[in-house]
C-alpha atoms as a PDB file:
ATOM      1  CA  MET A   1      -4.959  50.081 -11.839  1.00  0.00           C
ATOM      2  CA  LYS A   2      -5.387  53.398  -9.527  1.00  0.00           C
ATOM      3  CA  ARG A   3      -7.622  51.089  -7.156  1.00  0.00           C
ATOM      4  CA  ILE A   4      -4.856  48.803  -6.769  1.00  0.00           C
ATOM      5  CA  LEU A   5      -2.436  51.230  -6.134  1.00  0.00           C
ATOM      6  CA  CYS A   6      -3.969  52.977  -3.544  1.00  0.00           C
ATOM      7  CA  LEU A   7      -4.997  50.231  -1.900  1.00  0.00           C
ATOM      8  CA  LEU A   8      -1.443  48.684  -2.032  1.00  0.00           C
ATOM      9  CA  CYS A   9      -0.399  52.184  -0.647  1.00  0.00           C
ATOM     10  CA  ILE A  10      -2.553  51.944   2.325  1.00  0.00           C
ATOM     11  CA  LEU A  11      -1.715  49.008   3.627  1.00  0.00           C
ATOM     12  CA  LEU A  12       1.886  49.872   3.552  1.00  0.00           C
ATOM     13  CA  LEU A  13       0.908  52.694   5.530  1.00  0.00           C
ATOM     14  CA  THR A  14      -1.513  50.143   7.536  1.00  0.00           C
ATOM     15  CA  ALA A  15       1.492  48.114   8.141  1.00  0.00           C
ATOM     16  CA  GLY A  16       3.908  50.973   9.205  1.00  0.00           C
ATOM     17  CA  LEU A  17       1.109  52.403  11.331  1.00  0.00           C
ATOM     18  CA  PHE A  18       1.166  48.272  13.218  1.00  0.00           C
ATOM     19  CA  ALA A  19       4.722  48.237  13.779  1.00  0.00           C
ATOM     20  CA  ALA A  20       4.913  51.344  15.503  1.00  0.00           C
ATOM     21  CA  CYS A  21       2.073  50.641  18.078  1.00  0.00           C
ATOM     22  CA  GLY A  22       2.262  48.875  20.746  1.00  0.00           C
ATOM     23  CA  LYS A  23       1.140  48.715  24.367  1.00  0.00           C
ATOM     24  CA  PRO A  24       3.144  51.720  26.013  1.00  0.00           C
ATOM     25  CA  GLU A  25       4.578  50.259  29.643  1.00  0.00           C
ATOM     26  CA  PRO A  26       4.152  52.919  32.386  1.00  0.00           C
ATOM     27  CA  PRO A  27       6.430  55.725  32.827  1.00  0.00           C
ATOM     28  CA  ALA A  28       9.371  55.042  34.979  1.00  0.00           C
ATOM     29  CA  PRO A  29       9.431  57.363  37.977  1.00  0.00           C
ATOM     30  CA  PRO A  30      11.153  60.731  37.607  1.00  0.00           C
ATOM     31  CA  THR A  31      15.289  60.126  38.343  1.00  0.00           C
ATOM     32  CA  SER A  32      15.985  64.074  38.960  1.00  0.00           C
ATOM     33  CA  SER A  33      15.780  65.998  42.058  1.00  0.00           C
ATOM     34  CA  TYR A  34      16.528  69.403  42.892  1.00  0.00           C
ATOM     35  CA  ASP A  35      19.737  68.176  44.347  1.00  0.00           C
ATOM     36  CA  GLU A  36      20.993  67.261  40.890  1.00  0.00           C
ATOM     37  CA  PRO A  37      23.578  69.576  39.087  1.00  0.00           C
ATOM     38  CA  ALA A  38      22.757  72.263  36.755  1.00  0.00           C
ATOM     39  CA  GLY A  39      22.296  71.333  33.028  1.00  0.00           C
ATOM     40  CA  THR A  40      21.530  67.414  33.741  1.00  0.00           C
ATOM     41  CA  GLU A  41      19.384  66.117  30.688  1.00  0.00           C
ATOM     42  CA  PRO A  42      16.013  64.640  32.015  1.00  0.00           C
ATOM     43  CA  GLU A  43      15.864  60.910  30.228  1.00  0.00           C
ATOM     44  CA  THR A  44      11.574  61.244  29.339  1.00  0.00           C
ATOM     45  CA  LEU A  45       9.826  64.237  27.848  1.00  0.00           C
ATOM     46  CA  PRO A  46       6.628  65.180  28.733  1.00  0.00           C
ATOM     47  CA  ALA A  47       4.494  64.159  26.010  1.00  0.00           C
ATOM     48  CA  ASP A  48       1.597  67.075  26.026  1.00  0.00           C
ATOM     49  CA  PRO A  49       1.790  70.508  28.355  1.00  0.00           C
ATOM     50  CA  SER A  50       0.308  69.193  31.375  1.00  0.00           C
ATOM     51  CA  GLY A  51       3.169  66.764  31.798  1.00  0.00           C
ATOM     52  CA  ASN A  52       0.849  63.558  32.797  1.00  0.00           C
ATOM     53  CA  ASP A  53       2.244  61.745  29.917  1.00  0.00           C
ATOM     54  CA  GLU A  54       5.894  60.622  29.427  1.00  0.00           C
ATOM     55  CA  ILE A  55       7.773  59.312  26.479  1.00  0.00           C
ATOM     56  CA  ASN A  56      11.248  57.778  27.075  1.00  0.00           C
ATOM     57  CA  ILE A  57      13.592  58.821  24.599  1.00  0.00           C
ATOM     58  CA  GLY A  58      15.336  55.462  23.960  1.00  0.00           C
ATOM     59  CA  GLU A  59      12.207  53.362  23.701  1.00  0.00           C
ATOM     60  CA  ALA A  60      10.844  55.821  20.971  1.00  0.00           C
ATOM     61  CA  PHE A  61      14.116  55.797  18.985  1.00  0.00           C
ATOM     62  CA  THR A  62      13.925  51.689  19.648  1.00  0.00           C
ATOM     63  CA  GLU A  63       9.940  51.774  18.144  1.00  0.00           C
ATOM     64  CA  LEU A  64      11.139  54.145  16.026  1.00  0.00           C
ATOM     65  CA  ALA A  65      14.008  51.993  14.559  1.00  0.00           C
ATOM     66  CA  GLU A  66      11.797  48.531  14.340  1.00  0.00           C
ATOM     67  CA  ALA A  67       8.895  49.826  12.347  1.00  0.00           C
ATOM     68  CA  PHE A  68      11.650  51.136   9.764  1.00  0.00           C
ATOM     69  CA  SER A  69      13.415  47.623   9.793  1.00  0.00           C
ATOM     70  CA  GLN A  70       9.830  46.491   9.113  1.00  0.00           C
ATOM     71  CA  LEU A  71       8.927  48.827   6.362  1.00  0.00           C
ATOM     72  CA  GLU A  72      12.383  48.012   4.832  1.00  0.00           C
ATOM     73  CA  GLN A  73      11.235  44.057   5.133  1.00  0.00           C
ATOM     74  CA  VAL A  74       8.398  44.783   2.786  1.00  0.00           C
ATOM     75  CA  PHE A  75      10.627  45.418   0.121  1.00  0.00           C
ATOM     76  CA  SER A  76      12.660  42.770   0.408  1.00  0.00           C
ATOM     77  CA  ALA A  77       9.721  40.403  -0.127  1.00  0.00           C
ATOM     78  CA  THR A  78      10.573  37.397  -2.844  1.00  0.00           C
ATOM     79  CA  TRP A  79       8.556  37.129  -6.053  1.00  0.00           C
ATOM     80  CA  PRO A  80       5.302  36.052  -5.542  1.00  0.00           C
ATOM     81  CA  GLU A  81       4.713  32.723  -7.942  1.00  0.00           C
ATOM     82  CA  ASN A  82       0.947  32.890  -8.921  1.00  0.00           C
ATOM     83  CA  GLU A  83      -1.275  33.046 -12.435  1.00  0.00           C
ATOM     84  CA  PHE A  84      -0.099  36.551 -12.854  1.00  0.00           C
ATOM     85  CA  THR A  85       3.818  36.918 -12.337  1.00  0.00           C
ATOM     86  CA  LYS A  86       4.256  33.222 -14.449  1.00  0.00           C
ATOM     87  CA  GLN A  87       3.450  35.627 -17.372  1.00  0.00           C
ATOM     88  CA  MET A  88       6.065  37.972 -17.264  1.00  0.00           C
ATOM     89  CA  PRO A  89       9.370  37.862 -16.432  1.00  0.00           C
ATOM     90  CA  ARG A  90      11.033  37.773 -12.624  1.00  0.00           C
ATOM     91  CA  PRO A  91      12.356  41.596 -11.899  1.00  0.00           C
ATOM     92  CA  LYS A  92      15.644  42.274 -11.608  1.00  0.00           C
ATOM     93  CA  PHE A  93      15.298  44.217  -8.641  1.00  0.00           C
ATOM     94  CA  GLU A  94      13.538  44.455  -5.700  1.00  0.00           C
ATOM     95  CA  THR A  95       9.523  43.883  -4.614  1.00  0.00           C
ATOM     96  CA  GLY A  96       7.650  43.733  -2.204  1.00  0.00           C
ATOM     97  CA  LEU A  97       4.022  44.030  -1.231  1.00  0.00           C
ATOM     98  CA  GLY A  98       1.831  42.185  -3.269  1.00  0.00           C
ATOM     99  CA  VAL A  99      -1.904  42.137  -3.273  1.00  0.00           C
ATOM    100  CA  SER A 100      -4.237  40.208  -5.523  1.00  0.00           C
ATOM    101  CA  GLU A 101      -8.039  41.458  -6.463  1.00  0.00           C
ATOM    102  CA  ALA A 102     -10.316  39.667  -8.684  1.00  0.00           C
ATOM    103  CA  GLY A 103      -8.380  39.156 -11.935  1.00  0.00           C
ATOM    104  CA  THR A 104      -5.760  41.520 -11.188  1.00  0.00           C
ATOM    105  CA  PHE A 105      -2.152  41.315  -9.482  1.00  0.00           C
ATOM    106  CA  GLY A 106      -0.565  44.522  -8.018  1.00  0.00           C
ATOM    107  CA  ILE A 107       2.483  44.865  -6.214  1.00  0.00           C
ATOM    108  CA  LEU A 108       5.120  47.703  -4.961  1.00  0.00           C
ATOM    109  CA  THR A 109       8.329  48.027  -6.014  1.00  0.00           C
ATOM    110  CA  SER A 110      11.690  49.720  -5.160  1.00  0.00           C
ATOM    111  CA  ALA A 111      12.795  50.241  -8.427  1.00  0.00           C
ATOM    112  CA  THR A 112      14.561  53.133  -9.763  1.00  0.00           C
ATOM    113  CA  VAL A 113      13.434  54.420 -13.711  1.00  0.00           C
ATOM    114  CA  ASP A 114      16.260  53.170 -15.195  1.00  0.00           C
ATOM    115  CA  GLN A 115      15.215  49.816 -13.289  1.00  0.00           C
ATOM    116  CA  LEU A 116      11.494  50.230 -14.891  1.00  0.00           C
ATOM    117  CA  ARG A 117      12.897  51.248 -18.665  1.00  0.00           C
ATOM    118  CA  ASP A 118      15.131  48.137 -18.686  1.00  0.00           C
ATOM    119  CA  TYR A 119      12.182  46.097 -17.006  1.00  0.00           C
ATOM    120  CA  THR A 120       9.775  47.373 -19.997  1.00  0.00           C
ATOM    121  CA  LYS A 121      12.219  45.949 -22.521  1.00  0.00           C
ATOM    122  CA  ASP A 122      12.030  42.644 -21.211  1.00  0.00           C
ATOM    123  CA  LEU A 123       8.771  42.738 -21.238  1.00  0.00           C
ATOM    124  CA  LYS A 124       8.520  42.864 -24.530  1.00  0.00           C
ATOM    125  CA  ASN A 125      10.879  40.284 -25.150  1.00  0.00           C
ATOM    126  CA  ALA A 126       8.098  38.122 -23.114  1.00  0.00           C
ATOM    127  CA  GLY A 127       5.736  39.643 -25.741  1.00  0.00           C
ATOM    128  CA  PHE A 128       3.928  42.208 -24.197  1.00  0.00           C
ATOM    129  CA  THR A 129       4.159  44.512 -27.107  1.00  0.00           C
ATOM    130  CA  ARG A 130       0.572  44.702 -27.996  1.00  0.00           C
ATOM    131  CA  ASN A 131      -1.757  47.573 -28.095  1.00  0.00           C
ATOM    132  CA  ALA A 132       1.396  49.356 -25.963  1.00  0.00           C
ATOM    133  CA  SER A 133       1.644  52.638 -24.679  1.00  0.00           C
ATOM    134  CA  SER A 134       4.089  54.523 -22.964  1.00  0.00           C
ATOM    135  CA  THR A 135       5.208  57.576 -21.060  1.00  0.00           C
ATOM    136  CA  ASP A 136       8.493  58.896 -20.432  1.00  0.00           C
ATOM    137  CA  GLU A 137       8.574  62.422 -19.583  1.00  0.00           C
ATOM    138  CA  SER A 138      10.285  65.072 -16.761  1.00  0.00           C
ATOM    139  CA  VAL A 139       8.154  68.016 -15.143  1.00  0.00           C
ATOM    140  CA  LEU A 140       9.081  70.428 -12.885  1.00  0.00           C
ATOM    141  CA  GLY A 141      11.924  68.036 -12.316  1.00  0.00           C
ATOM    142  CA  LEU A 142      10.002  65.111 -11.472  1.00  0.00           C
ATOM    143  CA  THR A 143      10.405  61.875 -13.824  1.00  0.00           C
ATOM    144  CA  VAL A 144       6.627  60.183 -15.036  1.00  0.00           C
ATOM    145  CA  TYR A 145       7.082  57.234 -16.408  1.00  0.00           C
ATOM    146  CA  THR A 146       4.635  54.013 -17.259  1.00  0.00           C
ATOM    147  CA  TYR A 147       4.184  51.135 -19.845  1.00  0.00           C
ATOM    148  CA  GLU A 148       0.984  48.755 -20.852  1.00  0.00           C
ATOM    149  CA  ALA A 149       0.955  46.299 -22.972  1.00  0.00           C
ATOM    150  CA  ASP A 150      -0.912  43.271 -23.358  1.00  0.00           C
ATOM    151  CA  ASN A 151       1.014  40.170 -24.177  1.00  0.00           C
ATOM    152  CA  GLY A 152      -1.549  38.243 -26.751  1.00  0.00           C
ATOM    153  CA  ARG A 153      -2.767  35.734 -24.269  1.00  0.00           C
ATOM    154  CA  GLY A 154      -5.368  37.386 -22.136  1.00  0.00           C
ATOM    155  CA  TYR A 155      -3.134  39.549 -20.108  1.00  0.00           C
ATOM    156  CA  ARG A 156      -2.537  43.269 -19.498  1.00  0.00           C
ATOM    157  CA  VAL A 157       0.743  44.766 -17.690  1.00  0.00           C
ATOM    158  CA  GLU A 158       1.161  48.276 -16.875  1.00  0.00           C
ATOM    159  CA  ILE A 159       4.208  49.850 -15.110  1.00  0.00           C
ATOM    160  CA  ALA A 160       3.984  53.155 -13.452  1.00  0.00           C
ATOM    161  CA  TYR A 161       6.597  55.536 -11.871  1.00  0.00           C
ATOM    162  CA  SER A 162       6.295  58.913 -10.537  1.00  0.00           C
ATOM    163  CA  MET A 163       8.189  60.633  -7.659  1.00  0.00           C
ATOM    164  CA  GLY A 164       9.816  57.892  -6.031  1.00  0.00           C
ATOM    165  CA  MET A 165       7.361  55.928  -6.297  1.00  0.00           C
ATOM    166  CA  SER A 166       6.825  52.738  -8.382  1.00  0.00           C
ATOM    167  CA  ALA A 167       4.149  49.674  -8.943  1.00  0.00           C
ATOM    168  CA  ILE A 168       3.512  46.431 -11.582  1.00  0.00           C
ATOM    169  CA  THR A 169       0.115  45.786 -12.287  1.00  0.00           C
ATOM    170  CA  ILE A 170      -1.241  42.401 -14.032  1.00  0.00           C
ATOM    171  CA  LYS A 171      -4.679  41.542 -14.725  1.00  0.00           C
ATOM    172  CA  LYS A 172      -6.686  39.285 -17.009  1.00  0.00           C
ATOM    173  CA  ILE A 173      -8.552  41.287 -19.672  1.00  0.00           C
END
């Protein structure tokens, strides 16, 4: 499960990295001159102390907004239909980036701990009750919640929530 969670986080960070990257346009020539009144703000800021590279503030904010928009889209994806997700009920919260790996499927969610507690009830009603174990505790103000169980048909589900991040993993056993 840790490998899947790490892989999901890496993919999420990589998607954000590529969303923020792009071919930079050459900087616009400076518009200021020595005749401008004092207190006029420049449209660009130096990117390094030598002043060789300049960043257009408006373009930088636009690119950042686009990157966040794409990141938000990761968590508004629809619940995938595959052999793993057919074993469990569809969550009532948003899910995102899903990854399959050798008999395992993991998916990131934007669920709160309370939503995951409710989803655990749905999983139990769907038969995920065999060999069950769970953790539900707060330590230093941080909530940790986990639930793991088999469904008796050869699948095991794992739910994990910690520090505002959550994931669901289901695997063949």
